[in-house]
Each structure stands twice: as structure tokens, then as C-alpha cells.
């Protein structure tokens, strides 16, 4: 146990019992406990394996390379369609954790083996993410915008593509493109 991480478990109100049990399970698998992104993160030889986090309706274990796990029990969840590597196991009560403890340990040991083997997740390339029609039209009619967008780093391009694609309504996509156009022309990323 890392005393720097204790505050996270002490501050948890709704999920305190659950996250403390998850902590015990993860630590039993000989992982190192660190604090990253304000949450407990567990590593093997300096590489991230899993973290514990809480949400309003559930608490979860997030496996960084969850997509590479076998998932024989079918319990890993992809949080959103754009998450490429990480997978969660979600819990809504303490009893679920107790029942799944042997399976959780098996998943943890498998995640450690994935790391030992040096397996890597094949991420989609930025150009594989589609450009929504509303943004493509704007790029076609504004060459300065097209040049500025193509000059951005692949990560910044990907962030804009995902941001512009997220809304269901065309009107909202158009509004996002309009709002971000000056930022793109200034060579800035979505979160700069």
C-alpha cells in the first residue's frame, strides 16, 4: 500500500467499501500502487496495468490494455466507441466484487502477462478516423483552414475529428466546426 494513495479510499463516500476491496485484490497480485491522474494506478515494472475509479452509478477496474485480454467471462466493457485500448469491469455493489474475486485475479494476472510479453495495442491511425461532412465542406471551401489543419499534429487532428463527429445533429456539428475554426487557423489543438 502506498500512503500517498490512501486519501482516495478515505474520501470515497458511496463506493468506499467496494474500492477498498478492489485495492486489496489488486495488491494481492503483487502490483505497485501509485497515484496517477488523481486515482489509484497499479503498475508492473513501471508499466500501467489497471486503475480503480468511481463514477456516480458504479466503480470500476480499468485495464489499460484490456482490449488484449481474453475476456473469457465477457465482463470487459469499452467505455465509448472511441476508446481503443482500455476496458473496464464495472461493479454496482460489494457482493459482485466478492463473487468475481477469483476471476478478477485471473484477469489481473493475464494483464501482467500481456505486459511481460511486451504486447502492444494497434491503434487506428489518425487518417482512419472519418472527417464529418460538415468539416470536410469547410475544408474544401477554405484552403487556409485545410493547410492549417494538415499542419496540426496527428493527435490534434484526431481530437478535432472526434469532437466534430460526436454530435448526432448536423447543426451541432456545424456549430462546433465554426467555433473551432479560429483555433485551427492559429495552429492550436482542441484543448490548447
Foldseek 3Di string as FASTA:
>chain_A
DDPVQVVVLVPDDPCNVPVVLVVVLLVVLVWDWDADPNWTFTHDPPHTAWTWADDPQWIKIKGQQVVPFPPPVVQWDDPDPQDQGITIRIDRDNVVCVVCSVVVNVRSVVSVVCVVVVDDGDDDFLVVQDADPLLVVVCVVDVLLVVLLVPADSVLNSQLRCVLPPDPDPVVSNVSNVVCSVCSSVSHGPVD
